[in-house]
């Protein structure tokens, strides 16, 4: 890649060289910075108050009647800010971590832990994407798309020269074709993934919640955390726009509890009809609510 740019820059003016190099290295720095943050930011786990105490754990494990165990979890959950339930209406409990799951928290079988606001486990960064690093993951996708687009656009003019037979070196022809092909291939795949996550952010959903409708104390609600477009973005990037493009932590809250649509509707009744037509559209392609919610509990 460096050889291609050195070859290309030999025919540019000094001013163009400076502009190309500054833009390239600025995008590359943010690309590597966000990638590093996505990899090395550890998934955040629920704090100690969601774990069963030693006494409660002994009582729960020694109890053989499922209905009594269920009632024990209900009594424990009354002291915690949890509003989501399983598909059957039970308190969401992780029998591997021995804790009551906070809202939007799920168990990752790869990381062997419960992750706050878990989105998915990403093999490309070898890390679980959740509350602590979802912003960095989105920024990584955005800068990856920008990086591929920059490479493709700067190489495209030399592809035209290759097409016209104006490139003298056979070696440079191979470099131009290979670089343009790889950049376009990754750009297409990344822009689709980035667009999907932008849609999730606009609706304040995680990947798990997009496929499995969350169940609240009053029943399933696929838009239970949807607060409106601007507030949904702020739930990931924070309310200070100067930090939106920089990979530093700015997401509000602690990942254990989140504002819900039902509470906002009680303060602003107009919010209930804000996206009524979109809800109807989603109903036509939704998943069975009861079985989907149960699947989250048994598989994540």
Protein backbone atom coordinates (compact mmCIF):
# COMPACT_ATOMS: atom_id res chain seq x y z
CA UNK A 1 0.00 0.00 0.00
CA UNK A 2 2.79 2.40 0.89
CA UNK A 3 4.48 1.64 -2.45
CA UNK A 4 1.28 2.45 -4.31
CA UNK A 5 0.96 5.79 -2.56
CA UNK A 6 4.62 6.59 -3.14
CA UNK A 7 4.21 5.83 -6.84
CA UNK A 8 1.02 7.85 -7.03
CA UNK A 9 2.33 10.83 -5.13
CA UNK A 10 5.30 11.26 -7.49
CA UNK A 11 2.97 12.78 -10.08
CA UNK A 12 1.17 15.14 -7.70
CA UNK A 13 1.95 18.70 -6.74
CA UNK A 14 3.50 19.35 -3.29
CA UNK A 15 0.22 20.83 -2.00
CA UNK A 16 -1.70 17.74 -3.08
CA UNK A 17 0.89 15.52 -1.42
CA UNK A 18 0.39 17.31 1.91
CA UNK A 19 -3.42 17.10 1.68
CA UNK A 20 -3.37 13.41 0.75
CA UNK A 21 -0.95 12.52 3.55
CA UNK A 22 -2.78 14.52 6.23
CA UNK A 23 -6.18 13.07 5.33
CA UNK A 24 -4.85 9.53 5.07
CA UNK A 25 -3.03 9.56 8.40
CA UNK A 26 -5.88 11.35 10.22
CA UNK A 27 -8.36 8.68 9.12
CA UNK A 28 -5.85 5.92 9.82
CA UNK A 29 -5.17 7.17 13.36
CA UNK A 30 -8.87 7.24 14.25
CA UNK A 31 -9.38 3.87 12.56
CA UNK A 32 -6.65 2.19 14.64
CA UNK A 33 -7.62 4.10 17.81
CA UNK A 34 -11.25 2.96 17.70
CA UNK A 35 -10.20 -0.58 16.77
CA UNK A 36 -7.88 -0.69 19.78
CA UNK A 37 -10.62 0.63 22.08
CA UNK A 38 -13.09 -1.95 20.75
CA UNK A 39 -10.66 -4.77 21.46
CA UNK A 40 -9.21 -3.77 24.83
CA UNK A 41 -12.20 -2.17 26.55
CA UNK A 42 -13.40 -4.94 28.84
CA UNK A 43 -17.12 -5.80 28.93
CA UNK A 44 -18.78 -4.37 32.02
CA UNK A 45 -20.40 -6.82 34.41
CA UNK A 46 -23.27 -6.23 36.86
CA UNK A 47 -22.17 -4.91 40.23
CA UNK A 48 -22.35 -6.83 43.47
CA UNK A 49 -25.87 -5.84 44.48
CA UNK A 50 -27.31 -7.94 41.62
CA UNK A 51 -25.49 -11.07 42.83
CA UNK A 52 -27.17 -13.37 45.28
CA UNK A 53 -25.73 -13.27 48.76
CA UNK A 54 -24.26 -16.46 50.15
CA UNK A 55 -27.38 -17.03 52.26
CA UNK A 56 -29.79 -16.38 49.40
CA UNK A 57 -27.76 -18.59 47.09
CA UNK A 58 -27.91 -21.47 49.60
CA UNK A 59 -31.67 -21.03 50.07
CA UNK A 60 -32.26 -20.90 46.32
CA UNK A 61 -30.17 -23.98 45.52
CA UNK A 62 -31.60 -26.03 48.38
CA UNK A 63 -35.18 -25.24 47.42
CA UNK A 64 -36.59 -28.00 45.20
CA UNK A 65 -39.95 -26.43 44.36
CA UNK A 66 -39.70 -24.29 41.18
CA UNK A 67 -42.62 -22.06 42.17
CA UNK A 68 -40.94 -21.22 45.48
CA UNK A 69 -37.66 -20.48 43.71
CA UNK A 70 -39.53 -18.18 41.35
CA UNK A 71 -41.13 -16.32 44.25
CA UNK A 72 -37.75 -15.98 45.97
CA UNK A 73 -36.35 -14.25 42.89
CA UNK A 74 -39.40 -11.97 42.72
CA UNK A 75 -38.84 -10.90 46.33
CA UNK A 76 -35.15 -10.23 45.68
CA UNK A 77 -35.89 -8.29 42.48
CA UNK A 78 -38.18 -5.89 44.34
CA UNK A 79 -35.08 -4.27 45.82
CA UNK A 80 -33.45 -3.82 42.39
CA UNK A 81 -34.19 -1.53 39.40
CA UNK A 82 -35.17 -4.37 37.06
CA UNK A 83 -38.26 -4.14 34.81
CA UNK A 84 -37.66 -6.78 32.13
CA UNK A 85 -38.75 -10.39 32.47
CA UNK A 86 -38.44 -13.73 30.71
CA UNK A 87 -40.96 -14.84 28.11
CA UNK A 88 -42.94 -16.58 30.85
CA UNK A 89 -42.94 -13.47 33.04
CA UNK A 90 -40.32 -14.71 35.52
CA UNK A 91 -37.42 -12.67 36.87
CA UNK A 92 -34.38 -12.92 34.60
CA UNK A 93 -31.83 -14.96 36.56
CA UNK A 94 -28.44 -16.28 35.42
CA UNK A 95 -27.78 -19.65 37.03
CA UNK A 96 -24.15 -19.58 35.86
CA UNK A 97 -23.20 -16.19 37.34
CA UNK A 98 -25.79 -16.51 40.17
CA UNK A 99 -27.20 -13.04 39.72
CA UNK A 100 -30.42 -11.30 38.78
CA UNK A 101 -29.85 -9.82 35.36
CA UNK A 102 -30.20 -6.04 35.05
CA UNK A 103 -32.30 -4.76 32.16
CA UNK A 104 -30.68 -5.43 28.78
CA UNK A 105 -28.00 -7.64 30.39
CA UNK A 106 -27.31 -11.09 28.92
CA UNK A 107 -24.88 -13.92 29.52
CA UNK A 108 -22.16 -14.35 26.89
CA UNK A 109 -21.20 -18.00 26.54
CA UNK A 110 -17.89 -17.08 24.87
CA UNK A 111 -16.76 -14.62 27.56
CA UNK A 112 -18.44 -16.76 30.28
CA UNK A 113 -19.91 -13.71 31.99
CA UNK A 114 -23.01 -11.54 32.10
CA UNK A 115 -22.49 -8.35 30.06
CA UNK A 116 -24.34 -5.10 30.64
CA UNK A 117 -26.44 -4.01 27.65
CA UNK A 118 -24.98 -6.82 25.59
CA UNK A 119 -25.24 -6.32 21.83
CA UNK A 120 -23.29 -9.31 20.49
CA UNK A 121 -19.96 -11.10 20.73
CA UNK A 122 -17.80 -9.92 17.83
CA UNK A 123 -15.15 -12.36 16.54
CA UNK A 124 -13.45 -9.60 14.53
CA UNK A 125 -12.42 -7.75 17.69
CA UNK A 126 -12.44 -10.90 19.86
CA UNK A 127 -14.52 -9.10 22.45
CA UNK A 128 -18.07 -8.82 23.67
CA UNK A 129 -19.78 -5.62 22.50
CA UNK A 130 -21.93 -4.04 25.18
CA UNK A 131 -22.47 -0.95 27.29
CA UNK A 132 -18.76 -0.24 27.89
CA UNK A 133 -17.59 -0.36 24.26
CA UNK A 134 -20.59 -0.11 21.93
CA UNK A 135 -19.77 3.52 21.13
CA UNK A 136 -16.21 2.53 20.20
CA UNK A 137 -17.49 -0.31 18.02
CA UNK A 138 -19.78 2.08 16.11
CA UNK A 139 -16.93 4.53 15.64
CA UNK A 140 -14.69 1.71 14.44
CA UNK A 141 -17.26 0.80 11.78
CA UNK A 142 -17.63 4.44 10.75
CA UNK A 143 -13.90 5.06 10.40
CA UNK A 144 -13.45 1.71 8.64
CA UNK A 145 -16.04 2.75 6.05
CA UNK A 146 -14.35 6.14 5.67
CA UNK A 147 -10.92 4.53 5.39
CA UNK A 148 -12.00 2.12 2.65
CA UNK A 149 -13.82 4.91 0.81
CA UNK A 150 -10.74 7.12 0.90
CA UNK A 151 -8.50 4.35 -0.45
CA UNK A 152 -10.96 3.47 -3.21
CA UNK A 153 -11.44 7.07 -4.36
CA UNK A 154 -7.74 7.91 -4.40
CA UNK A 155 -6.87 4.74 -6.32
CA UNK A 156 -9.76 4.97 -8.77
CA UNK A 157 -8.04 7.51 -11.02
CA UNK A 158 -5.15 5.08 -11.49
CA UNK A 159 -7.62 2.32 -12.26
CA UNK A 160 -8.88 4.51 -15.11
CA UNK A 161 -5.29 4.89 -16.31
CA UNK A 162 -4.90 1.12 -16.16
CA UNK A 163 -8.10 0.70 -18.17
CA UNK A 164 -6.77 3.08 -20.81
CA UNK A 165 -3.37 1.36 -20.85
CA UNK A 166 -1.54 4.40 -19.47
CA UNK A 167 0.22 2.56 -16.61
CA UNK A 168 3.68 1.53 -17.87
CA UNK A 169 4.55 -0.95 -15.12
CA UNK A 170 2.90 -4.39 -15.00
CA UNK A 171 3.64 -4.49 -11.28
CA UNK A 172 1.77 -1.25 -10.63
CA UNK A 173 -1.22 -2.59 -12.57
CA UNK A 174 -1.54 -5.51 -10.18
CA UNK A 175 -1.23 -3.22 -7.13
CA UNK A 176 -3.91 -0.87 -8.39
CA UNK A 177 -6.37 -3.65 -9.19
CA UNK A 178 -5.78 -5.48 -5.92
CA UNK A 179 -6.03 -2.37 -3.75
CA UNK A 180 -9.20 -1.12 -5.45
CA UNK A 181 -10.85 -4.55 -5.26
CA UNK A 182 -10.08 -5.04 -1.55
CA UNK A 183 -11.15 -1.49 -0.64
CA UNK A 184 -14.47 -1.78 -2.51
CA UNK A 185 -15.17 -5.26 -1.14
CA UNK A 186 -14.67 -4.18 2.48
CA UNK A 187 -16.52 -0.91 1.88
CA UNK A 188 -19.67 -2.67 0.69
CA UNK A 189 -19.74 -5.17 3.55
CA UNK A 190 -18.89 -2.58 6.21
CA UNK A 191 -21.39 0.02 5.02
CA UNK A 192 -24.18 -2.56 5.27
CA UNK A 193 -23.15 -3.51 8.82
CA UNK A 194 -22.70 0.13 9.81
CA UNK A 195 -26.08 1.06 8.34
CA UNK A 196 -27.76 -1.72 10.31
CA UNK A 197 -26.23 -0.53 13.58
CA UNK A 198 -27.19 3.06 12.78
CA UNK A 199 -30.78 1.84 12.49
CA UNK A 200 -30.43 0.06 15.84
CA UNK A 201 -29.12 3.23 17.48
CA UNK A 202 -31.95 5.30 16.01
CA UNK A 203 -34.43 2.92 17.66
CA UNK A 204 -32.35 2.43 20.83
CA UNK A 205 -32.14 -1.32 20.31
CA UNK A 206 -29.39 -3.88 20.66
CA UNK A 207 -28.87 -6.67 18.14
CA UNK A 208 -30.41 -9.14 20.61
CA UNK A 209 -33.44 -6.89 21.15
CA UNK A 210 -33.93 -6.50 17.39
CA UNK A 211 -34.40 -10.26 17.05
CA UNK A 212 -35.98 -11.01 20.43
CA UNK A 213 -38.59 -8.60 21.73
CA UNK A 214 -37.92 -7.47 25.33
CA UNK A 215 -40.57 -8.45 27.87
CA UNK A 216 -41.46 -5.97 30.61
CA UNK A 217 -43.55 -6.36 33.72
CA UNK A 218 -46.60 -5.33 31.70
CA UNK A 219 -45.79 -7.57 28.70
CA UNK A 220 -43.67 -7.60 25.52
CA UNK A 221 -42.77 -4.21 24.03
CA UNK A 222 -40.38 -4.00 21.08
CA UNK A 223 -39.99 -0.23 21.47
CA UNK A 224 -39.73 -0.27 25.23
CA UNK A 225 -36.45 1.70 25.26
CA UNK A 226 -37.22 3.96 22.28
CA UNK A 227 -37.07 7.56 23.54
CA UNK A 228 -37.08 9.37 20.19
CA UNK A 229 -34.34 9.82 17.60
CA UNK A 230 -32.17 12.44 19.34
CA UNK A 231 -32.41 10.89 22.80
CA UNK A 232 -31.68 7.47 21.36
CA UNK A 233 -28.42 8.76 19.89
CA UNK A 234 -27.56 10.40 23.20
CA UNK A 235 -28.02 7.06 24.96
CA UNK A 236 -24.93 5.81 23.10
CA UNK A 237 -22.84 8.92 22.44
CA UNK A 238 -23.86 11.19 25.31
CA UNK A 239 -25.33 14.69 25.26
CA UNK A 240 -22.03 16.48 24.50
CA UNK A 241 -21.60 16.47 20.73
CA UNK A 242 -17.91 17.37 20.94
CA UNK A 243 -17.23 13.82 22.15
CA UNK A 244 -19.30 12.00 19.51
CA UNK A 245 -16.40 11.47 17.07
CA UNK A 246 -13.71 10.82 19.68
CA UNK A 247 -13.30 7.31 21.15
CA UNK A 248 -13.65 8.24 24.80
CA UNK A 249 -16.39 7.04 27.14
CA UNK A 250 -19.37 9.39 27.11
CA UNK A 251 -22.40 7.09 27.30
CA UNK A 252 -24.74 8.19 30.12
CA UNK A 253 -25.57 6.02 33.11
CA UNK A 254 -23.86 3.01 34.61
CA UNK A 255 -25.33 0.30 32.35
CA UNK A 256 -27.55 -1.18 35.08
CA UNK A 257 -30.74 0.75 34.36
CA UNK A 258 -32.06 2.69 31.39
CA UNK A 259 -34.84 5.20 30.73
CA UNK A 260 -37.90 3.51 29.28
CA UNK A 261 -40.52 4.63 26.80
CA UNK A 262 -43.43 4.00 29.19
CA UNK A 263 -42.04 6.41 31.75
CA UNK A 264 -41.43 9.09 29.13
CA UNK A 265 -44.95 8.67 27.78
CA UNK A 266 -46.36 9.45 31.23
CA UNK A 267 -44.47 12.75 31.06
CA UNK A 268 -45.06 13.39 27.34
CA UNK A 269 -48.18 11.62 25.93
CA UNK A 270 -47.26 12.68 22.38
CA UNK A 271 -44.35 10.24 22.45
CA UNK A 272 -46.75 7.31 22.34
CA UNK A 273 -47.77 8.14 18.74
CA UNK A 274 -44.36 9.35 17.56
CA UNK A 275 -43.57 6.27 15.47
CA UNK A 276 -46.95 4.58 15.21
CA UNK A 277 -46.63 3.84 11.51
CA UNK A 278 -43.17 2.30 12.01
CA UNK A 279 -44.54 0.04 14.72
CA UNK A 280 -47.20 -1.23 12.35
CA UNK A 281 -44.55 -1.91 9.74
CA UNK A 282 -42.47 -3.86 12.25
CA UNK A 283 -45.50 -5.97 13.21
CA UNK A 284 -45.60 -7.39 9.70
CA UNK A 285 -42.13 -8.85 10.06
CA UNK A 286 -41.85 -9.36 13.80
CA UNK A 287 -40.94 -12.52 15.65
CA UNK A 288 -43.21 -14.43 18.03
CA UNK A 289 -42.84 -12.39 21.17
CA UNK A 290 -43.14 -15.09 23.82
CA UNK A 291 -40.79 -17.63 22.21
CA UNK A 292 -38.27 -14.94 21.20
CA UNK A 293 -37.93 -13.61 24.72
CA UNK A 294 -37.53 -17.11 26.08
CA UNK A 295 -34.81 -17.81 23.51
CA UNK A 296 -32.73 -14.91 24.84
CA UNK A 297 -32.86 -16.38 28.30
CA UNK A 298 -31.82 -19.87 27.26
CA UNK A 299 -29.21 -18.97 24.65
CA UNK A 300 -27.53 -15.76 25.91
